[in-house]
C-alpha cells in the first residue's frame, strides 16, 4: 500500500496500514475546502507505532556511524531521485497557497 491523500493511512515500518479510526479532514485555509484527510489512530494503532519505533531504535543504535551515514545517504538519494510534484501540490494546498 502506498500513501494516498484520498485514502488515509498511517505508516508502521515497513508499510502503510489502513486506519481503523475516523478520518480527520485537511482543510485548505484559503478556500475552507476539504482537500484530503488524515488518519486518526486508535489506541492499539498508537501502541503498534510506538513498539515499531522502539524496535527500530534498538537496531539503529547498534550501527556504527559509517553504517548510519550510508543509510541516511540512501534516503537522501531516494528523496532527490523521486518526483515530489504531487507531494508539493498537497503541501501548497494544505498551507492555503494558490
PDB file of N, CA and C in Angstrom:
ATOM      1  N   UNK A   1       0.846  -1.177   0.000  1.00  0.00           N
ATOM      2  CA  UNK A   1       0.000   0.000   0.000  1.00  0.00           C
ATOM      3  C   UNK A   1       0.890   1.237   0.000  1.00  0.00           C
ATOM      4  N   UNK A   2       0.534   2.224  -0.803  1.00  0.00           N
ATOM      5  CA  UNK A   2       1.267   3.476  -0.877  1.00  0.00           C
ATOM      6  C   UNK A   2       0.416   4.597  -0.309  1.00  0.00           C
ATOM      7  N   UNK A   3       1.076   5.708   0.023  1.00  0.00           N
ATOM      8  CA  UNK A   3       0.362   6.865   0.553  1.00  0.00           C
ATOM      9  C   UNK A   3      -0.577   7.437  -0.487  1.00  0.00           C
ATOM     10  N   UNK A   4      -1.758   7.796  -0.056  1.00  0.00           N
ATOM     11  CA  UNK A   4      -2.715   8.499  -0.899  1.00  0.00           C
ATOM     12  C   UNK A   4      -3.488   9.465  -0.019  1.00  0.00           C
ATOM     13  N   UNK A   5      -3.578  10.713  -0.447  1.00  0.00           N
ATOM     14  CA  UNK A   5      -4.333  11.708   0.324  1.00  0.00           C
ATOM     15  C   UNK A   5      -5.820  11.377   0.340  1.00  0.00           C
ATOM     16  N   UNK A   6      -6.261  10.592  -0.614  1.00  0.00           N
ATOM     17  CA  UNK A   6      -7.672  10.226  -0.696  1.00  0.00           C
ATOM     18  C   UNK A   6      -8.012   8.973   0.106  1.00  0.00           C
ATOM     19  N   UNK A   7      -6.999   8.297   0.619  1.00  0.00           N
ATOM     20  CA  UNK A   7      -7.211   7.068   1.385  1.00  0.00           C
ATOM     21  C   UNK A   7      -6.300   7.133   2.612  1.00  0.00           C
ATOM     22  N   UNK A   8      -6.782   7.725   3.710  1.00  0.00           N
ATOM     23  CA  UNK A   8      -5.927   7.928   4.881  1.00  0.00           C
ATOM     24  C   UNK A   8      -5.359   6.618   5.439  1.00  0.00           C
ATOM     25  N   UNK A   9      -4.067   6.642   5.698  1.00  0.00           N
ATOM     26  CA  UNK A   9      -3.359   5.504   6.263  1.00  0.00           C
ATOM     27  C   UNK A   9      -2.346   6.027   7.267  1.00  0.00           C
ATOM     28  N   UNK A  10      -1.707   5.133   7.969  1.00  0.00           N
ATOM     29  CA  UNK A  10      -0.580   5.524   8.803  1.00  0.00           C
ATOM     30  C   UNK A  10       0.554   4.555   8.549  1.00  0.00           C
ATOM     31  N   UNK A  11       1.771   5.035   8.803  1.00  0.00           N
ATOM     32  CA  UNK A  11       2.961   4.266   8.452  1.00  0.00           C
ATOM     33  C   UNK A  11       3.518   3.563   9.672  1.00  0.00           C
ATOM     34  N   UNK A  12       3.659   2.248   9.567  1.00  0.00           N
ATOM     35  CA  UNK A  12       4.370   1.443  10.558  1.00  0.00           C
ATOM     36  C   UNK A  12       5.337   0.598   9.748  1.00  0.00           C
ATOM     37  N   UNK A  13       6.606   0.793  10.014  1.00  0.00           N
ATOM     38  CA  UNK A  13       7.643   0.136   9.236  1.00  0.00           C
ATOM     39  C   UNK A  13       7.323  -1.331   8.998  1.00  0.00           C
ATOM     40  N   UNK A  14       7.313  -1.793   7.800  1.00  0.00           N
ATOM     41  CA  UNK A  14       7.773  -1.188   6.556  1.00  0.00           C
ATOM     42  C   UNK A  14       6.651  -0.776   5.610  1.00  0.00           C
ATOM     43  N   UNK A  15       5.441  -0.541   6.092  1.00  0.00           N
ATOM     44  CA  UNK A  15       4.369  -0.267   5.145  1.00  0.00           C
ATOM     45  C   UNK A  15       3.324   0.685   5.709  1.00  0.00           C
ATOM     46  N   UNK A  16       2.436   1.139   4.819  1.00  0.00           N
ATOM     47  CA  UNK A  16       1.283   1.937   5.219  1.00  0.00           C
ATOM     48  C   UNK A  16       0.162   0.981   5.589  1.00  0.00           C
ATOM     49  N   UNK A  17      -0.538   1.309   6.657  1.00  0.00           N
ATOM     50  CA  UNK A  17      -1.658   0.478   7.103  1.00  0.00           C
ATOM     51  C   UNK A  17      -2.941   1.293   7.053  1.00  0.00           C
ATOM     52  N   UNK A  18      -4.042   0.637   6.700  1.00  0.00           N
ATOM     53  CA  UNK A  18      -5.309   1.363   6.717  1.00  0.00           C
ATOM     54  C   UNK A  18      -5.681   1.720   8.149  1.00  0.00           C
ATOM     55  N   UNK A  19      -6.317   2.840   8.311  1.00  0.00           N
ATOM     56  CA  UNK A  19      -6.713   3.266   9.645  1.00  0.00           C
ATOM     57  C   UNK A  19      -8.015   2.592  10.050  1.00  0.00           C
ATOM     58  N   UNK A  20      -8.209   2.456  11.340  1.00  0.00           N
ATOM     59  CA  UNK A  20      -9.474   1.919  11.832  1.00  0.00           C
ATOM     60  C   UNK A  20     -10.327   3.015  12.449  1.00  0.00           C
ATOM     61  N   UNK A  21      -9.697   4.121  12.835  1.00  0.00           N
ATOM     62  CA  UNK A  21     -10.432   5.247  13.409  1.00  0.00           C
ATOM     63  C   UNK A  21     -11.020   6.126  12.319  1.00  0.00           C
ATOM     64  N   UNK A  22     -11.732   7.145  12.743  1.00  0.00           N
ATOM     65  CA  UNK A  22     -12.336   8.078  11.796  1.00  0.00           C
ATOM     66  C   UNK A  22     -11.262   8.964  11.175  1.00  0.00           C
ATOM     67  N   UNK A  23     -11.512   9.388   9.959  1.00  0.00           N
ATOM     68  CA  UNK A  23     -10.587  10.305   9.288  1.00  0.00           C
ATOM     69  C   UNK A  23     -10.821  11.722   9.785  1.00  0.00           C
ATOM     70  N   UNK A  24      -9.744  12.502   9.800  1.00  0.00           N
ATOM     71  CA  UNK A  24      -9.851  13.920  10.129  1.00  0.00           C
ATOM     72  C   UNK A  24      -9.606  14.693   8.839  1.00  0.00           C
ATOM     73  N   UNK A  25     -10.482  15.639   8.521  1.00  0.00           N
ATOM     74  CA  UNK A  25     -10.323  16.359   7.258  1.00  0.00           C
ATOM     75  C   UNK A  25      -9.130  17.308   7.280  1.00  0.00           C
ATOM     76  N   UNK A  26      -8.527  17.494   6.113  1.00  0.00           N
ATOM     77  CA  UNK A  26      -7.494  18.511   5.908  1.00  0.00           C
ATOM     78  C   UNK A  26      -8.170  19.633   5.133  1.00  0.00           C
ATOM     79  N   UNK A  27      -8.163  20.821   5.722  1.00  0.00           N
ATOM     80  CA  UNK A  27      -8.882  21.957   5.164  1.00  0.00           C
ATOM     81  C   UNK A  27      -7.903  22.940   4.527  1.00  0.00           C
ATOM     82  N   UNK A  28      -8.210  23.375   3.308  1.00  0.00           N
ATOM     83  CA  UNK A  28      -7.442  24.435   2.656  1.00  0.00           C
ATOM     84  C   UNK A  28      -7.865  25.745   3.319  1.00  0.00           C
ATOM     85  N   UNK A  29      -6.961  26.416   4.058  1.00  0.00           N
ATOM     86  CA  UNK A  29      -7.363  27.623   4.773  1.00  0.00           C
ATOM     87  C   UNK A  29      -7.753  28.783   3.858  1.00  0.00           C
ATOM     88  N   UNK A  30      -7.336  28.759   2.603  1.00  0.00           N
ATOM     89  CA  UNK A  30      -7.687  29.834   1.680  1.00  0.00           C
ATOM     90  C   UNK A  30      -9.123  29.718   1.199  1.00  0.00           C
ATOM     91  N   UNK A  31      -9.606  28.484   1.027  1.00  0.00           N
ATOM     92  CA  UNK A  31     -10.947  28.280   0.466  1.00  0.00           C
ATOM     93  C   UNK A  31     -11.897  27.591   1.430  1.00  0.00           C
ATOM     94  N   UNK A  32     -11.365  27.092   2.536  1.00  0.00           N
ATOM     95  CA  UNK A  32     -12.109  26.289   3.509  1.00  0.00           C
ATOM     96  C   UNK A  32     -12.656  25.006   2.891  1.00  0.00           C
ATOM     97  N   UNK A  33     -12.091  24.608   1.761  1.00  0.00           N
ATOM     98  CA  UNK A  33     -12.465  23.369   1.083  1.00  0.00           C
ATOM     99  C   UNK A  33     -11.709  22.201   1.713  1.00  0.00           C
ATOM    100  N   UNK A  34     -12.378  21.066   1.862  1.00  0.00           N
ATOM    101  CA  UNK A  34     -11.703  19.852   2.314  1.00  0.00           C
ATOM    102  C   UNK A  34     -10.885  19.320   1.145  1.00  0.00           C
ATOM    103  N   UNK A  35      -9.569  19.197   1.366  1.00  0.00           N
ATOM    104  CA  UNK A  35      -8.675  18.781   0.282  1.00  0.00           C
ATOM    105  C   UNK A  35      -8.096  17.394   0.500  1.00  0.00           C
ATOM    106  N   UNK A  36      -8.428  16.777   1.612  1.00  0.00           N
ATOM    107  CA  UNK A  36      -7.913  15.449   1.900  1.00  0.00           C
ATOM    108  C   UNK A  36      -8.321  15.036   3.294  1.00  0.00           C
ATOM    109  N   UNK A  37      -7.698  13.992   3.782  1.00  0.00           N
ATOM    110  CA  UNK A  37      -7.990  13.500   5.124  1.00  0.00           C
ATOM    111  C   UNK A  37      -6.730  12.871   5.690  1.00  0.00           C
ATOM    112  N   UNK A  38      -6.629  12.891   7.002  1.00  0.00           N
ATOM    113  CA  UNK A  38      -5.527  12.216   7.675  1.00  0.00           C
ATOM    114  C   UNK A  38      -6.103  11.138   8.578  1.00  0.00           C
ATOM    115  N   UNK A  39      -5.313  10.141   8.822  1.00  0.00           N
ATOM    116  CA  UNK A  39      -5.759   9.022   9.645  1.00  0.00           C
ATOM    117  C   UNK A  39      -5.790   9.424  11.111  1.00  0.00           C
ATOM    118  N   UNK A  40      -6.822   9.025  11.789  1.00  0.00           N
ATOM    119  CA  UNK A  40      -6.917   9.189  13.235  1.00  0.00           C
ATOM    120  C   UNK A  40      -6.674   7.813  13.842  1.00  0.00           C
ATOM    121  N   UNK A  41      -5.550   7.651  14.496  1.00  0.00           N
ATOM    122  CA  UNK A  41      -5.159   6.337  15.014  1.00  0.00           C
ATOM    123  C   UNK A  41      -5.891   6.008  16.309  1.00  0.00           C
ATOM    124  N   UNK A  42      -6.263   4.750  16.446  1.00  0.00           N
ATOM    125  CA  UNK A  42      -6.853   4.244  17.683  1.00  0.00           C
ATOM    126  C   UNK A  42      -5.719   3.884  18.649  1.00  0.00           C
ATOM    127  N   UNK A  43      -6.051   3.660  19.911  1.00  0.00           N
ATOM    128  CA  UNK A  43      -5.032   3.359  20.926  1.00  0.00           C
ATOM    129  C   UNK A  43      -4.145   2.178  20.533  1.00  0.00           C
ATOM    130  N   UNK A  44      -4.726   1.116  20.009  1.00  0.00           N
ATOM    131  CA  UNK A  44      -3.948  -0.055  19.613  1.00  0.00           C
ATOM    132  C   UNK A  44      -2.980   0.259  18.489  1.00  0.00           C
ATOM    133  N   UNK A  45      -3.399   1.135  17.580  1.00  0.00           N
ATOM    134  CA  UNK A  45      -2.528   1.536  16.480  1.00  0.00           C
ATOM    135  C   UNK A  45      -1.362   2.379  16.995  1.00  0.00           C
ATOM    136  N   UNK A  46      -1.629   3.228  17.946  1.00  0.00           N
ATOM    137  CA  UNK A  46      -0.565   4.036  18.552  1.00  0.00           C
ATOM    138  C   UNK A  46       0.444   3.123  19.233  1.00  0.00           C
ATOM    139  N   UNK A  47      -0.040   2.131  19.942  1.00  0.00           N
ATOM    140  CA  UNK A  47       0.859   1.167  20.586  1.00  0.00           C
ATOM    141  C   UNK A  47       1.724   0.443  19.556  1.00  0.00           C
ATOM    142  N   UNK A  48       1.141   0.071  18.420  1.00  0.00           N
ATOM    143  CA  UNK A  48       1.900  -0.622  17.368  1.00  0.00           C
ATOM    144  C   UNK A  48       2.991   0.280  16.802  1.00  0.00           C
ATOM    145  N   UNK A  49       2.677   1.552  16.606  1.00  0.00           N
ATOM    146  CA  UNK A  49       3.661   2.504  16.097  1.00  0.00           C
ATOM    147  C   UNK A  49       4.798   2.679  17.100  1.00  0.00           C
ATOM    148  N   UNK A  50       4.459   2.836  18.371  1.00  0.00           N
ATOM    149  CA  UNK A  50       5.490   3.012  19.399  1.00  0.00           C
ATOM    150  C   UNK A  50       6.365   1.771  19.536  1.00  0.00           C
ATOM    151  N   UNK A  51       5.769   0.596  19.454  1.00  0.00           N
ATOM    152  CA  UNK A  51       6.535  -0.648  19.528  1.00  0.00           C
ATOM    153  C   UNK A  51       7.502  -0.753  18.352  1.00  0.00           C
ATOM    154  N   UNK A  52       7.021  -0.439  17.148  1.00  0.00           N
ATOM    155  CA  UNK A  52       7.885  -0.490  15.959  1.00  0.00           C
ATOM    156  C   UNK A  52       9.017   0.527  16.061  1.00  0.00           C
ATOM    157  N   UNK A  53       8.716   1.722  16.564  1.00  0.00           N
ATOM    158  CA  UNK A  53       9.752   2.754  16.702  1.00  0.00           C
ATOM    159  C   UNK A  53      10.804   2.346  17.723  1.00  0.00           C
ATOM    160  N   UNK A  54      10.372   1.763  18.821  1.00  0.00           N
ATOM    161  CA  UNK A  54      11.308   1.304  19.851  1.00  0.00           C
ATOM    162  C   UNK A  54      12.206   0.204  19.302  1.00  0.00           C
ATOM    163  N   UNK A  55      11.621  -0.724  18.562  1.00  0.00           N
ATOM    164  CA  UNK A  55      12.392  -1.816  17.964  1.00  0.00           C
ATOM    165  C   UNK A  55      13.409  -1.271  16.953  1.00  0.00           C
ATOM    166  N   UNK A  56      12.977  -0.321  16.135  1.00  0.00           N
ATOM    167  CA  UNK A  56      13.879   0.267  15.141  1.00  0.00           C
ATOM    168  C   UNK A  56      15.020   1.019  15.819  1.00  0.00           C
ATOM    169  N   UNK A  57      14.721   1.738  16.887  1.00  0.00           N
ATOM    170  CA  UNK A  57      15.761   2.483  17.594  1.00  0.00           C
ATOM    171  C   UNK A  57      16.786   1.540  18.214  1.00  0.00           C
ATOM    172  N   UNK A  58      16.334   0.413  18.723  1.00  0.00           N
ATOM    173  CA  UNK A  58      17.253  -0.570  19.308  1.00  0.00           C
ATOM    174  C   UNK A  58      18.250  -1.058  18.258  1.00  0.00           C
ATOM    175  N   UNK A  59      17.763  -1.348  17.059  1.00  0.00           N
ATOM    176  CA  UNK A  59      18.647  -1.796  15.976  1.00  0.00           C
ATOM    177  C   UNK A  59      19.535  -0.651  15.485  1.00  0.00           C
ATOM    178  N   UNK A  60      18.979   0.548  15.369  1.00  0.00           N
ATOM    179  CA  UNK A  60      19.718   1.700  14.858  1.00  0.00           C
ATOM    180  C   UNK A  60      20.896   2.054  15.758  1.00  0.00           C
ATOM    181  N   UNK A  61      20.689   2.014  17.068  1.00  0.00           N
ATOM    182  CA  UNK A  61      21.769   2.421  17.972  1.00  0.00           C
ATOM    183  C   UNK A  61      22.935   1.429  17.978  1.00  0.00           C
ATOM    184  N   UNK A  62      22.710   0.225  17.451  1.00  0.00           N
ATOM    185  CA  UNK A  62      23.786  -0.764  17.364  1.00  0.00           C
ATOM    186  C   UNK A  62      24.677  -0.546  16.140  1.00  0.00           C
ATOM    187  N   UNK A  63      24.229   0.280  15.196  1.00  0.00           N
ATOM    188  CA  UNK A  63      25.009   0.534  13.987  1.00  0.00           C
ATOM    189  C   UNK A  63      26.120   1.542  14.267  1.00  0.00           C
ATOM    190  N   UNK A  64      27.252   1.345  13.591  1.00  0.00           N
ATOM    191  CA  UNK A  64      28.339   2.317  13.711  1.00  0.00           C
ATOM    192  C   UNK A  64      28.004   3.546  12.860  1.00  0.00           C
ATOM    193  N   UNK A  65      28.759   4.622  13.050  1.00  0.00           N
ATOM    194  CA  UNK A  65      28.478   5.894  12.376  1.00  0.00           C
ATOM    195  C   UNK A  65      28.509   5.772  10.851  1.00  0.00           C
ATOM    196  N   UNK A  66      29.450   5.012  10.305  1.00  0.00           N
ATOM    197  CA  UNK A  66      29.536   4.875   8.845  1.00  0.00           C
ATOM    198  C   UNK A  66      28.314   4.156   8.279  1.00  0.00           C
ATOM    199  N   UNK A  67      27.830   3.157   8.984  1.00  0.00           N
ATOM    200  CA  UNK A  67      26.632   2.437   8.528  1.00  0.00           C
ATOM    201  C   UNK A  67      25.413   3.349   8.579  1.00  0.00           C
ATOM    202  N   UNK A  68      25.289   4.126   9.644  1.00  0.00           N
ATOM    203  CA  UNK A  68      24.174   5.075   9.735  1.00  0.00           C
ATOM    204  C   UNK A  68      24.248   6.083   8.593  1.00  0.00           C
ATOM    205  N   UNK A  69      25.453   6.582   8.336  1.00  0.00           N
ATOM    206  CA  UNK A  69      25.633   7.559   7.256  1.00  0.00           C
ATOM    207  C   UNK A  69      25.224   6.964   5.913  1.00  0.00           C
ATOM    208  N   UNK A  70      25.583   5.707   5.657  1.00  0.00           N
ATOM    209  CA  UNK A  70      25.194   5.050   4.398  1.00  0.00           C
ATOM    210  C   UNK A  70      23.673   5.001   4.264  1.00  0.00           C
ATOM    211  N   UNK A  71      22.996   4.642   5.351  1.00  0.00           N
ATOM    212  CA  UNK A  71      21.528   4.593   5.326  1.00  0.00           C
ATOM    213  C   UNK A  71      20.939   5.979   5.052  1.00  0.00           C
ATOM    214  N   UNK A  72      21.456   6.987   5.737  1.00  0.00           N
ATOM    215  CA  UNK A  72      20.930   8.339   5.566  1.00  0.00           C
ATOM    216  C   UNK A  72      21.200   8.878   4.163  1.00  0.00           C
ATOM    217  N   UNK A  73      22.361   8.565   3.607  1.00  0.00           N
ATOM    218  CA  UNK A  73      22.653   8.978   2.229  1.00  0.00           C
ATOM    219  C   UNK A  73      21.726   8.264   1.247  1.00  0.00           C
ATOM    220  N   UNK A  74      21.419   7.009   1.496  1.00  0.00           N
ATOM    221  CA  UNK A  74      20.488   6.278   0.627  1.00  0.00           C
ATOM    222  C   UNK A  74      19.103   6.921   0.662  1.00  0.00           C
ATOM    223  N   UNK A  75      18.661   7.326   1.841  1.00  0.00           N
ATOM    224  CA  UNK A  75      17.366   8.007   1.964  1.00  0.00           C
ATOM    225  C   UNK A  75      17.409   9.334   1.211  1.00  0.00           C
ATOM    226  N   UNK A  76      18.469  10.112   1.419  1.00  0.00           N
ATOM    227  CA  UNK A  76      18.605  11.401   0.731  1.00  0.00           C
ATOM    228  C   UNK A  76      18.615  11.217  -0.780  1.00  0.00           C
ATOM    229  N   UNK A  77      19.322  10.219  -1.267  1.00  0.00           N
ATOM    230  CA  UNK A  77      19.366   9.954  -2.708  1.00  0.00           C
ATOM    231  C   UNK A  77      17.991   9.571  -3.246  1.00  0.00           C
ATOM    232  N   UNK A  78      17.252   8.775  -2.491  1.00  0.00           N
ATOM    233  CA  UNK A  78      15.905   8.383  -2.917  1.00  0.00           C
ATOM    234  C   UNK A  78      14.976   9.596  -2.971  1.00  0.00           C
ATOM    235  N   UNK A  79      15.107  10.480  -1.991  1.00  0.00           N
ATOM    236  CA  UNK A  79      14.286  11.695  -1.978  1.00  0.00           C
ATOM    237  C   UNK A  79      14.611  12.557  -3.193  1.00  0.00           C
ATOM    238  N   UNK A  80      15.897  12.747  -3.460  1.00  0.00           N
ATOM    239  CA  UNK A  80      16.307  13.582  -4.589  1.00  0.00           C
ATOM    240  C   UNK A  80      15.912  12.977  -5.933  1.00  0.00           C
ATOM    241  N   UNK A  81      15.847  11.660  -6.022  1.00  0.00           N
ATOM    242  CA  UNK A  81      15.518  10.992  -7.278  1.00  0.00           C
ATOM    243  C   UNK A  81      14.011  10.913  -7.528  1.00  0.00           C
ATOM    244  N   UNK A  82      13.218  11.092  -6.497  1.00  0.00           N
ATOM    245  CA  UNK A  82      11.769  10.925  -6.610  1.00  0.00           C
ATOM    246  C   UNK A  82      11.106  12.165  -7.206  1.00  0.00           C
ATOM    247  N   UNK A  83       9.922  11.961  -7.751  1.00  0.00           N
ATOM    248  CA  UNK A  83       9.108  13.060  -8.263  1.00  0.00           C
ATOM    249  C   UNK A  83       8.148  13.477  -7.153  1.00  0.00           C
ATOM    250  N   UNK A  84       8.380  14.639  -6.613  1.00  0.00           N
ATOM    251  CA  UNK A  84       7.574  15.100  -5.489  1.00  0.00           C
ATOM    252  C   UNK A  84       6.526  16.121  -5.903  1.00  0.00           C
ATOM    253  N   UNK A  85       6.152  16.108  -7.165  1.00  0.00           N
ATOM    254  CA  UNK A  85       5.169  17.064  -7.654  1.00  0.00           C
ATOM    255  C   UNK A  85       3.861  16.952  -6.881  1.00  0.00           C
ATOM    256  N   UNK A  86       3.347  15.744  -6.744  1.00  0.00           N
ATOM    257  CA  UNK A  86       2.065  15.549  -6.041  1.00  0.00           C
ATOM    258  C   UNK A  86       2.192  15.952  -4.574  1.00  0.00           C
ATOM    259  N   UNK A  87       3.294  15.600  -3.942  1.00  0.00           N
ATOM    260  CA  UNK A  87       3.522  15.968  -2.547  1.00  0.00           C
ATOM    261  C   UNK A  87       3.559  17.487  -2.400  1.00  0.00           C
ATOM    262  N   UNK A  88       4.268  18.156  -3.299  1.00  0.00           N
ATOM    263  CA  UNK A  88       4.351  19.617  -3.250  1.00  0.00           C
ATOM    264  C   UNK A  88       2.976  20.248  -3.442  1.00  0.00           C
ATOM    265  N   UNK A  89       2.186  19.701  -4.359  1.00  0.00           N
ATOM    266  CA  UNK A  89       0.833  20.217  -4.583  1.00  0.00           C
ATOM    267  C   UNK A  89      -0.007  20.106  -3.318  1.00  0.00           C
ATOM    268  N   UNK A  90       0.063  18.962  -2.650  1.00  0.00           N
ATOM    269  CA  UNK A  90      -0.706  18.767  -1.419  1.00  0.00           C
ATOM    270  C   UNK A  90      -0.249  19.718  -0.317  1.00  0.00           C
ATOM    271  N   UNK A  91       1.055  19.905  -0.188  1.00  0.00           N
ATOM    272  CA  UNK A  91       1.572  20.798   0.846  1.00  0.00           C
ATOM    273  C   UNK A  91       1.153  22.244   0.591  1.00  0.00           C
ATOM    274  N   UNK A  92       1.189  22.668  -0.660  1.00  0.00           N
ATOM    275  CA  UNK A  92       0.776  24.023  -1.011  1.00  0.00           C
ATOM    276  C   UNK A  92      -0.700  24.214  -0.695  1.00  0.00           C
ATOM    277  N   UNK A  93      -1.528  23.257  -1.054  1.00  0.00           N
ATOM    278  CA  UNK A  93      -2.969  23.355  -0.775  1.00  0.00           C
ATOM    279  C   UNK A  93      -3.246  23.361   0.717  1.00  0.00           C
ATOM    280  N   UNK A  94      -2.519  22.540   1.469  1.00  0.00           N
ATOM    281  CA  UNK A  94      -2.716  22.488   2.912  1.00  0.00           C
ATOM    282  C   UNK A  94      -2.373  23.831   3.563  1.00  0.00           C
ATOM    283  N   UNK A  95      -1.394  24.538   3.012  1.00  0.00           N
ATOM    284  CA  UNK A  95      -0.975  25.829   3.559  1.00  0.00           C
ATOM    285  C   UNK A  95      -1.866  26.973   3.077  1.00  0.00           C
ATOM    286  N   UNK A  96      -2.772  26.679   2.158  1.00  0.00           N
ATOM    287  CA  UNK A  96      -3.697  27.695   1.678  1.00  0.00           C
ATOM    288  C   UNK A  96      -3.114  28.605   0.618  1.00  0.00           C
ATOM    289  N   UNK A  97      -2.086  28.150  -0.062  1.00  0.00           N
ATOM    290  CA  UNK A  97      -1.480  28.951  -1.129  1.00  0.00           C
ATOM    291  C   UNK A  97      -2.184  28.624  -2.446  1.00  0.00           C
ATOM    292  N   UNK A  98      -2.281  29.620  -3.329  1.00  0.00           N
ATOM    293  CA  UNK A  98      -2.962  29.364  -4.614  1.00  0.00           C
ATOM    294  C   UNK A  98      -2.133  28.490  -5.539  1.00  0.00           C
TER     295      UNK A  98
END
